[in-house]
N, C-alpha and C. Protein backbone atom coordinates (compact mmCIF):
# COMPACT_ATOMS: atom_id res chain seq x y z
N MET A 1 50.99 116.77 99.30
CA MET A 1 51.22 116.97 98.65
C MET A 1 50.82 117.79 97.91
N PRO A 2 51.45 119.37 98.04
CA PRO A 2 50.68 119.64 96.72
C PRO A 2 51.13 119.45 94.53
N LEU A 3 50.14 119.88 94.75
CA LEU A 3 50.50 119.80 92.49
C LEU A 3 50.31 120.40 92.46
N ILE A 4 50.95 121.98 91.69
CA ILE A 4 50.52 122.39 90.82
C ILE A 4 51.00 122.46 89.40
N GLN A 5 49.09 122.44 88.37
CA GLN A 5 50.14 122.47 87.27
C GLN A 5 49.69 123.79 86.44
N ILE A 6 50.40 123.79 85.62
CA ILE A 6 50.54 125.32 84.43
C ILE A 6 50.41 124.94 83.37
N MET A 7 49.30 125.24 82.76
CA MET A 7 49.66 125.88 81.40
C MET A 7 49.82 127.05 80.44
N LEU A 8 50.38 126.53 80.00
CA LEU A 8 51.71 128.05 78.81
C LEU A 8 52.00 127.22 77.54
N LEU A 9 52.02 127.91 76.47
CA LEU A 9 52.50 128.07 74.71
C LEU A 9 53.11 128.17 75.27
N GLU A 10 53.60 126.99 73.97
CA GLU A 10 55.37 126.66 74.34
C GLU A 10 55.86 127.69 73.41
N GLY A 11 57.15 127.47 73.68
CA GLY A 11 58.41 128.48 72.89
C GLY A 11 59.49 129.28 73.33
N ARG A 12 59.14 128.48 75.50
CA ARG A 12 59.75 129.67 75.98
C ARG A 12 60.98 128.65 76.48
N ASP A 13 61.94 129.25 76.42
CA ASP A 13 63.67 128.52 77.10
C ASP A 13 63.70 128.35 77.80
N GLY A 14 64.75 126.81 78.77
CA GLY A 14 64.28 126.05 79.14
C GLY A 14 64.84 126.97 80.47
N GLN A 15 65.49 127.76 80.65
CA GLN A 15 65.91 128.79 81.71
C GLN A 15 64.72 129.01 82.31
N LYS A 16 63.85 129.89 81.46
CA LYS A 16 62.61 130.61 81.70
C LYS A 16 61.25 129.80 83.35
N LYS A 17 61.02 128.12 82.15
CA LYS A 17 60.83 127.35 82.57
C LYS A 17 60.62 126.94 83.54
N GLN A 18 62.49 126.54 84.22
CA GLN A 18 63.22 126.30 85.48
C GLN A 18 63.02 127.29 86.72
N ARG A 19 62.98 128.40 86.27
CA ARG A 19 62.12 129.29 87.13
C ARG A 19 61.50 129.20 87.62
N LEU A 20 60.25 129.68 86.24
CA LEU A 20 59.12 129.58 86.83
C LEU A 20 58.45 128.00 88.37
N ILE A 21 59.07 127.09 87.50
CA ILE A 21 59.05 125.86 88.60
C ILE A 21 59.67 125.92 89.36
N GLU A 22 61.20 127.11 90.37
CA GLU A 22 61.78 127.31 91.29
C GLU A 22 60.53 128.29 92.30
N GLU A 23 60.43 129.58 91.27
CA GLU A 23 59.32 130.35 92.07
C GLU A 23 58.08 129.65 92.37
N VAL A 24 57.65 129.80 91.70
CA VAL A 24 56.08 128.65 92.15
C VAL A 24 56.42 127.72 93.31
N THR A 25 57.36 126.59 93.00
CA THR A 25 57.80 126.10 94.00
C THR A 25 58.28 126.89 96.01
N ILE A 26 58.46 127.51 95.77
CA ILE A 26 59.41 128.99 96.51
C ILE A 26 57.93 129.24 97.14
N ALA A 27 57.01 129.45 96.16
CA ALA A 27 55.56 130.97 96.14
C ALA A 27 54.95 129.91 97.92
N VAL A 28 54.30 128.36 96.96
CA VAL A 28 53.55 127.53 97.73
C VAL A 28 54.28 127.07 98.82
N SER A 29 55.62 126.98 98.66
CA SER A 29 55.98 126.53 100.48
C SER A 29 56.03 127.13 101.18
N ARG A 30 55.95 128.72 101.00
CA ARG A 30 55.96 129.97 102.06
C ARG A 30 54.66 129.97 102.61
N THR A 31 53.62 130.06 101.18
CA THR A 31 52.38 130.18 101.96
C THR A 31 51.40 128.95 102.42
N LEU A 32 51.73 127.99 102.37
CA LEU A 32 51.55 126.93 102.72
C LEU A 32 51.92 126.24 103.91
N GLU A 33 53.09 126.77 104.02
CA GLU A 33 54.55 126.31 104.90
C GLU A 33 54.44 124.75 104.49
N VAL A 34 54.25 123.70 103.85
CA VAL A 34 54.76 122.66 104.07
C VAL A 34 56.54 122.67 103.17
N ASP A 35 56.46 121.21 102.99
CA ASP A 35 57.75 121.06 102.69
C ASP A 35 58.71 121.50 101.40
N PRO A 36 59.11 122.20 100.57
CA PRO A 36 59.85 122.18 99.23
C PRO A 36 58.71 120.79 98.19
N THR A 37 60.10 120.17 99.20
CA THR A 37 60.33 118.56 98.83
C THR A 37 58.91 117.79 98.18
N SER A 38 57.80 118.80 98.85
CA SER A 38 56.85 117.79 98.74
C SER A 38 55.77 118.35 97.81
N ILE A 39 56.54 118.96 96.52
CA ILE A 39 55.01 119.59 96.00
C ILE A 39 55.98 118.82 94.26
N ARG A 40 55.02 119.40 94.28
CA ARG A 40 55.09 118.80 92.13
C ARG A 40 54.88 119.76 91.45
N VAL A 41 55.57 120.09 90.24
CA VAL A 41 55.22 121.08 88.79
C VAL A 41 55.02 120.14 88.18
N ILE A 42 53.46 120.90 87.69
CA ILE A 42 53.72 120.41 86.25
C ILE A 42 53.38 121.55 84.73
N LEU A 43 54.23 121.41 83.71
CA LEU A 43 54.57 122.22 83.09
C LEU A 43 53.78 121.76 81.73
N GLN A 44 53.01 122.22 81.18
CA GLN A 44 52.15 121.58 80.48
C GLN A 44 51.66 122.43 78.99
N GLU A 45 52.55 122.88 78.15
CA GLU A 45 53.03 123.55 77.33
C GLU A 45 51.66 123.31 75.25
N ILE A 46 51.29 124.84 75.48
CA ILE A 46 50.31 123.60 74.03
C ILE A 46 50.40 124.70 73.38
N PRO A 47 50.59 123.90 71.84
CA PRO A 47 51.02 124.20 70.87
C PRO A 47 49.31 125.85 70.52
N PRO A 48 50.57 126.64 70.06
CA PRO A 48 49.67 128.37 69.59
C PRO A 48 48.52 127.77 68.99
N ALA A 49 48.43 126.56 67.99
CA ALA A 49 46.94 126.29 67.57
C ALA A 49 46.12 126.26 67.78
N HIS A 50 46.67 125.60 68.68
CA HIS A 50 45.89 124.25 70.23
C HIS A 50 44.99 125.58 71.70
N TRP A 51 45.09 126.79 71.12
CA TRP A 51 44.90 128.21 72.44
C TRP A 51 43.81 128.83 71.74
N ALA A 52 43.08 129.01 72.32
CA ALA A 52 42.24 130.13 71.42
C ALA A 52 42.00 131.09 71.97
N VAL A 53 41.58 132.05 71.74
CA VAL A 53 40.83 133.64 72.50
C VAL A 53 39.96 133.96 71.96
N GLY A 54 38.60 133.87 71.99
CA GLY A 54 36.91 134.42 71.50
C GLY A 54 37.41 133.65 69.98
N GLY A 55 37.66 132.10 70.20
CA GLY A 55 36.73 131.16 69.50
C GLY A 55 38.51 131.53 67.64
N VAL A 56 39.92 132.24 68.14
CA VAL A 56 40.16 132.66 67.19
C VAL A 56 42.15 131.99 67.83
N PRO A 57 42.28 130.98 66.94
CA PRO A 57 43.83 130.31 67.78
C PRO A 57 44.69 131.64 67.57
N ILE A 58 45.67 131.54 69.08
CA ILE A 58 46.48 132.64 69.34
C ILE A 58 48.17 132.97 67.55
N ASN A 59 47.70 131.45 67.33
CA ASN A 59 48.63 131.60 65.89
C ASN A 59 47.98 132.19 64.74
N LYS A 60 46.52 132.88 65.04
CA LYS A 60 45.56 133.87 63.67
C LYS A 60 45.99 134.86 64.27
N ARG A 61 45.72 135.46 66.12
CA ARG A 61 45.61 136.51 65.64
C ARG A 61 46.29 137.27 65.59
N LYS A 62 45.64 139.07 65.33
CA LYS A 62 46.13 140.26 64.94
C LYS A 62 46.84 140.69 66.02
N THR A 63 48.06 140.99 66.73
CA THR A 63 48.38 141.77 67.46
C THR A 63 48.41 144.10 67.14
N VAL A 64 47.95 143.99 68.34
CA VAL A 64 47.95 145.06 67.62
C VAL A 64 49.02 145.96 68.20
């Protein structure tokens, strides 16, 4: 039973997250040659204030 955990910034709409789950499930099923019903996918959404790059939270970074 493959378990795939994906961490991403919160804020994406439900359709995009559903499509991500579906596409990841298909890819893992095909690659590992396992039944899609055996695959578990966990999306963990992180608030931008809790995700940092180079010591700076994403919500505080200047965009170029």
